[in-house]
Structures are given as C-alpha cells and as structure tokens.
Amino acid sequence: MEKKFQTIYDLLAREIQTEKIKAGQLLPSENELTERFATSRETVRKALQLLSQNGYIQKLQGKGSVVLEQDKLPLPVSGLTSFKELARSMSQKVETYVSSLSSKEASGITQQLLQCEKGAPVWELHRLRKLDGEGVIYDKDLLLKEIAPGLTEEIAADSIYDYLEQDLGLSISYAKKEVVVEEAQAEDKAIMDLGSYQQLVVVRSAVYLEDTTLFQYTESKHRPDKFRFVDFARRTK
C-alpha cells in the first residue's frame, strides 16, 4: 500500500510538471496542504522534503516553498527510486522496452561487480527508456538469479522493485553510486536517440538488500539535455 506522503508528492510533482503550479510561484502553505489532503502536517512535510530533494521546490525561510524551473527532469542521486516511481510524476509519455534478458554464469567482471561466487546464476538485462518517443536512457543490469528467480521481460518492463518488494517480500535498503560523464559508445548510438550528442551521463549503482546482500549492479546512461541530477544534503556539526 502506497504511503500517503508519496501520493501527495506524486500529485504535486505532476502539477509542477504540467505547469498547473508554475515556476516562481509559492506552493500552498503547510496548513493549506494539510486541509487539502486531509492528513497530518508531518505527512505534508515528508512530501515537501521529497519535492525539495528531487529539485521541484526550494524552501525559503519565512516565506514557504517556491517552485523551481523544470527545464530538465530531476533525477535523484541519493534516493533509491524505481523508474516506474519517477515516471508517475513526469508529464511526458514514458515507455520501457526490454532489448534483452538472458541468464549466464558469473565470471570475470560480472563476478567482480556483483561480488558473488564464480558460476553463480546471473540475469543480464538491457532496457531502453523512452520519453515522448525518444530513447534517452539506456539501462544495463546484472542481478543475482537466486534473488529474482522468476524475472521475466514483462516484469522488467514494468518494475523489478515492485516484483521484489511486493511479490517476493524483500526489502531493498541502500545503494552505492557513482556519476560520471563518458563518450557515447557504438552500442549507445545504435540503440539511443542521441542526435548530435556525443557524451552521456552515466550512473553506476550497486544495490543492496536490507540484510546487506548485493543483488544488483546497474549502469544507466542518460542523454544530458533531458535530465538534471539532484541530491539532498544536510549539514552536520
């Protein structure tokens, strides 16, 4: 069951994406949002924190939350959000195409990336994400087959995280990520709609379950004109 603050976040993010709430405007106050969604102030604050974290708003001391320009789609760096969850707040038509799904035995670089035993069964998955018909994200995943034994192309095109969490009852906990800019390779140019772009923003993620099992390694390549990568940082003393 979806948490209430996530529902509020999705609705407000969509209103910002579709410019129902325009850049430069202040969001309704916490009290007004509490009344609108018939919920607690704490729930509203969680939704606002997520909007801030993902680059939709900026909180101004004593004034409220102002909506930021949305010329590029915000992708959270620090969060662990599935593409399906991100797509719900996008105004563009979003499609996922599975270009390949195969099983193999771990060895060499695959064994190293997943930190598993040699010969362990592994899924290798390639997916193209399209926004308004343009292929702008190319994901290449490695997953331990023992964690996702029943993975299919249909599941991969929808949401692997939904399958793991809702169908298998697993808890996905955290990820280690790196973000780099690299030259597009021949494979990228063949499958993505790159136009004149020669470089891609590449996010590499090692994803862990709650019991610290490393079960997924992802290399996600993004066309740079479509996205901005956002993070949430808190100063500690």
C-alpha atoms as a PDB file:
ATOM      1  CA  MET A   1       0.000   0.000   0.000  1.00  0.00           C
ATOM      2  CA  GLU A   2       1.424   3.365  -1.044  1.00  0.00           C
ATOM      3  CA  LYS A   3       2.313   5.799   1.729  1.00  0.00           C
ATOM      4  CA  LYS A   4       0.238   8.987   1.922  1.00  0.00           C
ATOM      5  CA  PHE A   5       3.218  11.354   1.616  1.00  0.00           C
ATOM      6  CA  GLN A   6       4.236   9.585  -1.634  1.00  0.00           C
ATOM      7  CA  THR A   7       0.728  10.141  -3.038  1.00  0.00           C
ATOM      8  CA  ILE A   8       0.896  13.831  -2.133  1.00  0.00           C
ATOM      9  CA  TYR A   9       4.370  14.098  -3.666  1.00  0.00           C
ATOM     10  CA  ASP A  10       3.191  12.457  -6.907  1.00  0.00           C
ATOM     11  CA  LEU A  11       0.215  14.824  -7.226  1.00  0.00           C
ATOM     12  CA  LEU A  12       2.205  17.996  -6.518  1.00  0.00           C
ATOM     13  CA  ALA A  13       5.098  16.911  -8.767  1.00  0.00           C
ATOM     14  CA  ARG A  14       2.669  16.321 -11.633  1.00  0.00           C
ATOM     15  CA  GLU A  15       1.053  19.726 -11.077  1.00  0.00           C
ATOM     16  CA  ILE A  16       4.522  21.313 -11.303  1.00  0.00           C
ATOM     17  CA  GLN A  17       5.498  19.266 -14.368  1.00  0.00           C
ATOM     18  CA  THR A  18       2.283  20.234 -16.187  1.00  0.00           C
ATOM     19  CA  GLU A  19       2.697  23.876 -15.036  1.00  0.00           C
ATOM     20  CA  LYS A  20      -0.595  23.882 -13.152  1.00  0.00           C
ATOM     21  CA  ILE A  21       1.705  25.328 -10.500  1.00  0.00           C
ATOM     22  CA  LYS A  22       4.210  27.483 -12.374  1.00  0.00           C
ATOM     23  CA  ALA A  23       7.876  28.145 -11.704  1.00  0.00           C
ATOM     24  CA  GLY A  24       8.347  31.082  -9.344  1.00  0.00           C
ATOM     25  CA  GLN A  25       5.044  30.535  -7.574  1.00  0.00           C
ATOM     26  CA  LEU A  26       4.808  29.587  -3.926  1.00  0.00           C
ATOM     27  CA  LEU A  27       3.209  26.290  -3.026  1.00  0.00           C
ATOM     28  CA  PRO A  28       0.190  26.458  -0.725  1.00  0.00           C
ATOM     29  CA  SER A  29       1.174  26.626   2.950  1.00  0.00           C
ATOM     30  CA  GLU A  30       1.583  23.515   5.069  1.00  0.00           C
ATOM     31  CA  ASN A  31      -1.769  24.261   6.722  1.00  0.00           C
ATOM     32  CA  GLU A  32      -3.497  24.569   3.343  1.00  0.00           C
ATOM     33  CA  LEU A  33      -1.957  21.331   2.097  1.00  0.00           C
ATOM     34  CA  THR A  34      -2.924  19.595   5.336  1.00  0.00           C
ATOM     35  CA  GLU A  35      -6.550  20.600   4.738  1.00  0.00           C
ATOM     36  CA  ARG A  36      -6.473  19.769   1.026  1.00  0.00           C
ATOM     37  CA  PHE A  37      -5.186  16.245   1.541  1.00  0.00           C
ATOM     38  CA  ALA A  38      -6.921  15.631   4.885  1.00  0.00           C
ATOM     39  CA  THR A  39      -3.723  14.496   6.536  1.00  0.00           C
ATOM     40  CA  SER A  40      -1.221  15.468   9.215  1.00  0.00           C
ATOM     41  CA  ARG A  41       1.354  18.248   8.964  1.00  0.00           C
ATOM     42  CA  GLU A  42       4.130  15.660   9.395  1.00  0.00           C
ATOM     43  CA  THR A  43       2.909  13.793   6.296  1.00  0.00           C
ATOM     44  CA  VAL A  44       2.837  17.038   4.307  1.00  0.00           C
ATOM     45  CA  ARG A  45       6.360  17.873   5.477  1.00  0.00           C
ATOM     46  CA  LYS A  46       7.624  14.490   4.258  1.00  0.00           C
ATOM     47  CA  ALA A  47       6.094  15.164   0.832  1.00  0.00           C
ATOM     48  CA  LEU A  48       7.643  18.657   0.717  1.00  0.00           C
ATOM     49  CA  GLN A  49      11.035  17.274   1.740  1.00  0.00           C
ATOM     50  CA  LEU A  50      10.845  14.809  -1.154  1.00  0.00           C
ATOM     51  CA  LEU A  51       9.886  17.614  -3.571  1.00  0.00           C
ATOM     52  CA  SER A  52      12.872  19.618  -2.360  1.00  0.00           C
ATOM     53  CA  GLN A  53      15.192  16.610  -2.561  1.00  0.00           C
ATOM     54  CA  ASN A  54      14.152  15.934  -6.157  1.00  0.00           C
ATOM     55  CA  GLY A  55      14.590  19.523  -7.319  1.00  0.00           C
ATOM     56  CA  TYR A  56      10.973  20.659  -7.634  1.00  0.00           C
ATOM     57  CA  ILE A  57      10.937  23.311  -4.902  1.00  0.00           C
ATOM     58  CA  GLN A  58      13.228  25.451  -2.779  1.00  0.00           C
ATOM     59  CA  LYS A  59      12.213  26.235   0.795  1.00  0.00           C
ATOM     60  CA  LEU A  60      12.539  29.931   1.689  1.00  0.00           C
ATOM     61  CA  GLN A  61      12.867  30.894   5.334  1.00  0.00           C
ATOM     62  CA  GLY A  62       9.686  32.623   6.488  1.00  0.00           C
ATOM     63  CA  LYS A  63       8.051  32.523   3.049  1.00  0.00           C
ATOM     64  CA  GLY A  64       7.280  28.927   2.183  1.00  0.00           C
ATOM     65  CA  SER A  65       8.274  26.773  -0.792  1.00  0.00           C
ATOM     66  CA  VAL A  66       8.910  28.287  -4.223  1.00  0.00           C
ATOM     67  CA  VAL A  67       8.614  26.182  -7.391  1.00  0.00           C
ATOM     68  CA  LEU A  68      11.834  25.871  -9.427  1.00  0.00           C
ATOM     69  CA  GLU A  69      12.250  25.896 -13.211  1.00  0.00           C
ATOM     70  CA  GLN A  70      11.700  22.452 -14.720  1.00  0.00           C
ATOM     71  CA  ASP A  71      13.614  22.688 -17.997  1.00  0.00           C
ATOM     72  CA  LYS A  72      15.153  19.284 -17.270  1.00  0.00           C
ATOM     73  CA  LEU A  73      13.707  16.287 -15.483  1.00  0.00           C
ATOM     74  CA  PRO A  74      15.068  15.867 -11.944  1.00  0.00           C
ATOM     75  CA  LEU A  75      16.661  12.520 -11.154  1.00  0.00           C
ATOM     76  CA  PRO A  76      17.639  11.952  -7.508  1.00  0.00           C
ATOM     77  CA  VAL A  77      21.204  10.775  -6.993  1.00  0.00           C
ATOM     78  CA  SER A  78      20.951   9.811  -3.330  1.00  0.00           C
ATOM     79  CA  GLY A  79      17.495   8.260  -3.406  1.00  0.00           C
ATOM     80  CA  LEU A  80      16.580   4.680  -4.297  1.00  0.00           C
ATOM     81  CA  THR A  81      13.619   5.268  -6.585  1.00  0.00           C
ATOM     82  CA  SER A  82      12.499   2.958  -9.365  1.00  0.00           C
ATOM     83  CA  PHE A  83      11.975   4.361 -12.864  1.00  0.00           C
ATOM     84  CA  LYS A  84       8.284   3.459 -12.579  1.00  0.00           C
ATOM     85  CA  GLU A  85       8.005   5.615  -9.452  1.00  0.00           C
ATOM     86  CA  LEU A  86       9.765   8.521 -11.190  1.00  0.00           C
ATOM     87  CA  ALA A  87       7.576   8.152 -14.282  1.00  0.00           C
ATOM     88  CA  ARG A  88       4.410   8.815 -12.290  1.00  0.00           C
ATOM     89  CA  SER A  89       5.468  12.442 -11.768  1.00  0.00           C
ATOM     90  CA  MET A  90       6.504  13.034 -15.395  1.00  0.00           C
ATOM     91  CA  SER A  91       4.198  14.771 -17.845  1.00  0.00           C
ATOM     92  CA  GLN A  92       5.881  13.096 -20.832  1.00  0.00           C
ATOM     93  CA  LYS A  93       4.797   9.783 -22.318  1.00  0.00           C
ATOM     94  CA  VAL A  94       7.071   7.194 -20.694  1.00  0.00           C
ATOM     95  CA  GLU A  95       7.845   3.768 -22.167  1.00  0.00           C
ATOM     96  CA  THR A  96      10.262   0.980 -21.265  1.00  0.00           C
ATOM     97  CA  TYR A  97      11.487  -1.523 -23.855  1.00  0.00           C
ATOM     98  CA  VAL A  98      13.396  -4.660 -22.896  1.00  0.00           C
ATOM     99  CA  SER A  99      16.016  -5.214 -25.590  1.00  0.00           C
ATOM    100  CA  SER A 100      17.461  -8.362 -24.000  1.00  0.00           C
ATOM    101  CA  LEU A 101      17.101 -10.619 -20.953  1.00  0.00           C
ATOM    102  CA  SER A 102      19.392 -13.615 -20.592  1.00  0.00           C
ATOM    103  CA  SER A 103      20.851 -15.897 -17.944  1.00  0.00           C
ATOM    104  CA  LYS A 104      24.545 -16.647 -17.544  1.00  0.00           C
ATOM    105  CA  GLU A 105      27.099 -17.827 -15.000  1.00  0.00           C
ATOM    106  CA  ALA A 106      29.097 -15.191 -13.146  1.00  0.00           C
ATOM    107  CA  SER A 107      32.756 -14.882 -14.041  1.00  0.00           C
ATOM    108  CA  GLY A 108      35.338 -12.172 -14.621  1.00  0.00           C
ATOM    109  CA  ILE A 109      33.923  -8.646 -14.481  1.00  0.00           C
ATOM    110  CA  THR A 110      30.376  -9.873 -13.705  1.00  0.00           C
ATOM    111  CA  GLN A 111      31.615 -11.798 -10.664  1.00  0.00           C
ATOM    112  CA  GLN A 112      33.605  -8.755  -9.570  1.00  0.00           C
ATOM    113  CA  LEU A 113      30.711  -6.299  -9.943  1.00  0.00           C
ATOM    114  CA  LEU A 114      28.236  -8.483  -8.038  1.00  0.00           C
ATOM    115  CA  GLN A 115      30.853  -9.768  -5.567  1.00  0.00           C
ATOM    116  CA  CYS A 116      29.438 -13.273  -5.934  1.00  0.00           C
ATOM    117  CA  GLU A 117      30.858 -16.759  -6.342  1.00  0.00           C
ATOM    118  CA  LYS A 118      32.175 -17.855  -9.705  1.00  0.00           C
ATOM    119  CA  GLY A 119      29.460 -19.712 -11.607  1.00  0.00           C
ATOM    120  CA  ALA A 120      26.575 -18.112  -9.695  1.00  0.00           C
ATOM    121  CA  PRO A 121      23.479 -17.757 -11.937  1.00  0.00           C
ATOM    122  CA  VAL A 122      23.018 -14.135 -13.027  1.00  0.00           C
ATOM    123  CA  TRP A 123      20.423 -12.244 -15.066  1.00  0.00           C
ATOM    124  CA  GLU A 124      21.763  -9.803 -17.653  1.00  0.00           C
ATOM    125  CA  LEU A 125      19.122  -7.244 -18.628  1.00  0.00           C
ATOM    126  CA  HIS A 126      19.172  -4.345 -21.097  1.00  0.00           C
ATOM    127  CA  ARG A 127      16.343  -1.779 -21.175  1.00  0.00           C
ATOM    128  CA  LEU A 128      15.689   1.373 -23.211  1.00  0.00           C
ATOM    129  CA  ARG A 129      13.624   4.148 -21.592  1.00  0.00           C
ATOM    130  CA  LYS A 130      11.729   6.445 -23.943  1.00  0.00           C
ATOM    131  CA  LEU A 131      10.304   9.887 -23.160  1.00  0.00           C
ATOM    132  CA  ASP A 132       7.791  11.139 -25.733  1.00  0.00           C
ATOM    133  CA  GLY A 133       9.094   8.532 -28.178  1.00  0.00           C
ATOM    134  CA  GLU A 134      12.796   9.342 -27.788  1.00  0.00           C
ATOM    135  CA  GLY A 135      15.198   6.756 -26.355  1.00  0.00           C
ATOM    136  CA  VAL A 136      17.103   8.842 -23.788  1.00  0.00           C
ATOM    137  CA  ILE A 137      18.045   6.324 -21.056  1.00  0.00           C
ATOM    138  CA  TYR A 138      19.797   3.003 -21.618  1.00  0.00           C
ATOM    139  CA  ASP A 139      19.978   0.701 -18.586  1.00  0.00           C
ATOM    140  CA  LYS A 140      22.175  -2.391 -18.332  1.00  0.00           C
ATOM    141  CA  ASP A 141      21.529  -4.522 -15.242  1.00  0.00           C
ATOM    142  CA  LEU A 142      23.126  -7.534 -13.625  1.00  0.00           C
ATOM    143  CA  LEU A 143      21.009  -9.311 -10.974  1.00  0.00           C
ATOM    144  CA  LEU A 144      21.573 -12.405  -8.874  1.00  0.00           C
ATOM    145  CA  LYS A 145      19.146 -15.009 -10.172  1.00  0.00           C
ATOM    146  CA  GLU A 146      18.610 -16.519  -6.700  1.00  0.00           C
ATOM    147  CA  ILE A 147      17.182 -13.163  -5.541  1.00  0.00           C
ATOM    148  CA  ALA A 148      14.891 -12.693  -8.579  1.00  0.00           C
ATOM    149  CA  PRO A 149      14.281 -16.259  -9.786  1.00  0.00           C
ATOM    150  CA  GLY A 150      11.090 -15.568 -11.729  1.00  0.00           C
ATOM    151  CA  LEU A 151      12.204 -12.433 -13.569  1.00  0.00           C
ATOM    152  CA  THR A 152      10.535 -12.046 -16.982  1.00  0.00           C
ATOM    153  CA  GLU A 153      10.588  -9.423 -19.729  1.00  0.00           C
ATOM    154  CA  GLU A 154       7.099  -8.336 -18.628  1.00  0.00           C
ATOM    155  CA  ILE A 155       8.291  -7.735 -15.058  1.00  0.00           C
ATOM    156  CA  ALA A 156      11.426  -5.934 -16.301  1.00  0.00           C
ATOM    157  CA  ALA A 157       9.323  -3.638 -18.494  1.00  0.00           C
ATOM    158  CA  ASP A 158       7.110  -2.764 -15.529  1.00  0.00           C
ATOM    159  CA  SER A 159       9.083  -2.673 -12.258  1.00  0.00           C
ATOM    160  CA  ILE A 160      11.660  -5.080 -10.866  1.00  0.00           C
ATOM    161  CA  TYR A 161      11.435  -3.354  -7.478  1.00  0.00           C
ATOM    162  CA  ASP A 162       7.673  -3.944  -7.313  1.00  0.00           C
ATOM    163  CA  TYR A 163       8.318  -7.611  -8.078  1.00  0.00           C
ATOM    164  CA  LEU A 164      10.994  -7.932  -5.387  1.00  0.00           C
ATOM    165  CA  GLU A 165       9.178  -5.964  -2.685  1.00  0.00           C
ATOM    166  CA  GLN A 166       5.527  -6.778  -3.306  1.00  0.00           C
ATOM    167  CA  ASP A 167       5.668 -10.282  -4.794  1.00  0.00           C
ATOM    168  CA  LEU A 168       8.742 -11.686  -3.040  1.00  0.00           C
ATOM    169  CA  GLY A 169       8.547  -9.653   0.182  1.00  0.00           C
ATOM    170  CA  LEU A 170      12.169  -8.475   0.052  1.00  0.00           C
ATOM    171  CA  SER A 171      13.424  -5.180   1.494  1.00  0.00           C
ATOM    172  CA  ILE A 172      15.662  -3.062  -0.746  1.00  0.00           C
ATOM    173  CA  SER A 173      17.795  -0.924   1.542  1.00  0.00           C
ATOM    174  CA  TYR A 174      20.592   1.152   0.002  1.00  0.00           C
ATOM    175  CA  ALA A 175      22.890   1.696  -2.966  1.00  0.00           C
ATOM    176  CA  LYS A 176      26.414   2.852  -3.659  1.00  0.00           C
ATOM    177  CA  LYS A 177      26.530   5.134  -6.704  1.00  0.00           C
ATOM    178  CA  GLU A 178      28.951   6.986  -8.909  1.00  0.00           C
ATOM    179  CA  VAL A 179      28.089   9.564 -11.582  1.00  0.00           C
ATOM    180  CA  VAL A 180      30.458  10.247 -14.476  1.00  0.00           C
ATOM    181  CA  VAL A 181      30.360  11.767 -17.960  1.00  0.00           C
ATOM    182  CA  GLU A 182      31.615   9.477 -20.728  1.00  0.00           C
ATOM    183  CA  GLU A 183      31.818   9.336 -24.518  1.00  0.00           C
ATOM    184  CA  ALA A 184      28.891   7.509 -26.124  1.00  0.00           C
ATOM    185  CA  GLN A 185      29.866   4.074 -27.413  1.00  0.00           C
ATOM    186  CA  ALA A 186      28.765   2.499 -30.706  1.00  0.00           C
ATOM    187  CA  GLU A 187      26.159   0.393 -28.845  1.00  0.00           C
ATOM    188  CA  ASP A 188      24.703   3.527 -27.224  1.00  0.00           C
ATOM    189  CA  LYS A 189      24.465   5.336 -30.580  1.00  0.00           C
ATOM    190  CA  ALA A 190      22.767   2.331 -32.156  1.00  0.00           C
ATOM    191  CA  ILE A 191      20.011   1.967 -29.552  1.00  0.00           C
ATOM    192  CA  MET A 192      19.525   5.507 -28.158  1.00  0.00           C
ATOM    193  CA  ASP A 193      18.241   8.645 -29.885  1.00  0.00           C
ATOM    194  CA  LEU A 194      21.343  10.758 -29.335  1.00  0.00           C
ATOM    195  CA  GLY A 195      21.159  13.211 -32.234  1.00  0.00           C
ATOM    196  CA  SER A 196      24.327  15.300 -32.094  1.00  0.00           C
ATOM    197  CA  TYR A 197      25.161  14.392 -28.504  1.00  0.00           C
ATOM    198  CA  GLN A 198      28.459  12.567 -28.151  1.00  0.00           C
ATOM    199  CA  GLN A 199      28.614  12.320 -24.345  1.00  0.00           C
ATOM    200  CA  LEU A 200      26.359  10.659 -21.795  1.00  0.00           C
ATOM    201  CA  VAL A 201      25.834  10.989 -18.063  1.00  0.00           C
ATOM    202  CA  VAL A 202      26.444   7.524 -16.633  1.00  0.00           C
ATOM    203  CA  VAL A 203      25.159   6.455 -13.205  1.00  0.00           C
ATOM    204  CA  ARG A 204      26.600   3.178 -11.878  1.00  0.00           C
ATOM    205  CA  SER A 205      24.829   1.673  -8.883  1.00  0.00           C
ATOM    206  CA  ALA A 206      25.440  -1.315  -6.625  1.00  0.00           C
ATOM    207  CA  VAL A 207      22.140  -2.062  -4.838  1.00  0.00           C
ATOM    208  CA  TYR A 208      21.788  -3.949  -1.558  1.00  0.00           C
ATOM    209  CA  LEU A 209      19.004  -5.668   0.347  1.00  0.00           C
ATOM    210  CA  GLU A 210      18.289  -4.932   3.997  1.00  0.00           C
ATOM    211  CA  ASP A 211      20.498  -7.878   5.014  1.00  0.00           C
ATOM    212  CA  THR A 212      23.399  -6.204   3.083  1.00  0.00           C
ATOM    213  CA  THR A 213      23.228  -8.680   0.171  1.00  0.00           C
ATOM    214  CA  LEU A 214      24.486  -7.057  -3.032  1.00  0.00           C
ATOM    215  CA  PHE A 215      21.933  -8.270  -5.585  1.00  0.00           C
ATOM    216  CA  GLN A 216      22.021  -5.757  -8.481  1.00  0.00           C
ATOM    217  CA  TYR A 217      24.554  -3.768 -10.432  1.00  0.00           C
ATOM    218  CA  THR A 218      23.223  -1.164 -12.863  1.00  0.00           C
ATOM    219  CA  GLU A 219      24.852   1.049 -15.460  1.00  0.00           C
ATOM    220  CA  SER A 220      22.351   3.728 -16.505  1.00  0.00           C
ATOM    221  CA  LYS A 221      23.238   6.043 -19.397  1.00  0.00           C
ATOM    222  CA  HIS A 222      21.365   9.342 -19.853  1.00  0.00           C
ATOM    223  CA  ARG A 223      21.217  11.838 -22.703  1.00  0.00           C
ATOM    224  CA  PRO A 224      22.481  15.006 -20.990  1.00  0.00           C
ATOM    225  CA  ASP A 225      19.940  17.518 -22.290  1.00  0.00           C
ATOM    226  CA  LYS A 226      16.962  15.771 -20.683  1.00  0.00           C
ATOM    227  CA  PHE A 227      17.961  15.455 -17.035  1.00  0.00           C
ATOM    228  CA  ARG A 228      19.409  17.210 -14.042  1.00  0.00           C
ATOM    229  CA  PHE A 229      20.782  15.189 -11.174  1.00  0.00           C
ATOM    230  CA  VAL A 230      19.726  16.370  -7.738  1.00  0.00           C
ATOM    231  CA  ASP A 231      20.750  15.448  -4.224  1.00  0.00           C
ATOM    232  CA  PHE A 232      19.663  16.224  -0.694  1.00  0.00           C
ATOM    233  CA  ALA A 233      22.373  17.246   1.734  1.00  0.00           C
ATOM    234  CA  ARG A 234      22.181  18.121   5.404  1.00  0.00           C
ATOM    235  CA  ARG A 235      24.942  19.969   7.226  1.00  0.00           C
ATOM    236  CA  THR A 236      26.190  18.122  10.304  1.00  0.00           C
ATOM    237  CA  LYS A 237      28.308  19.500  13.118  1.00  0.00           C
END
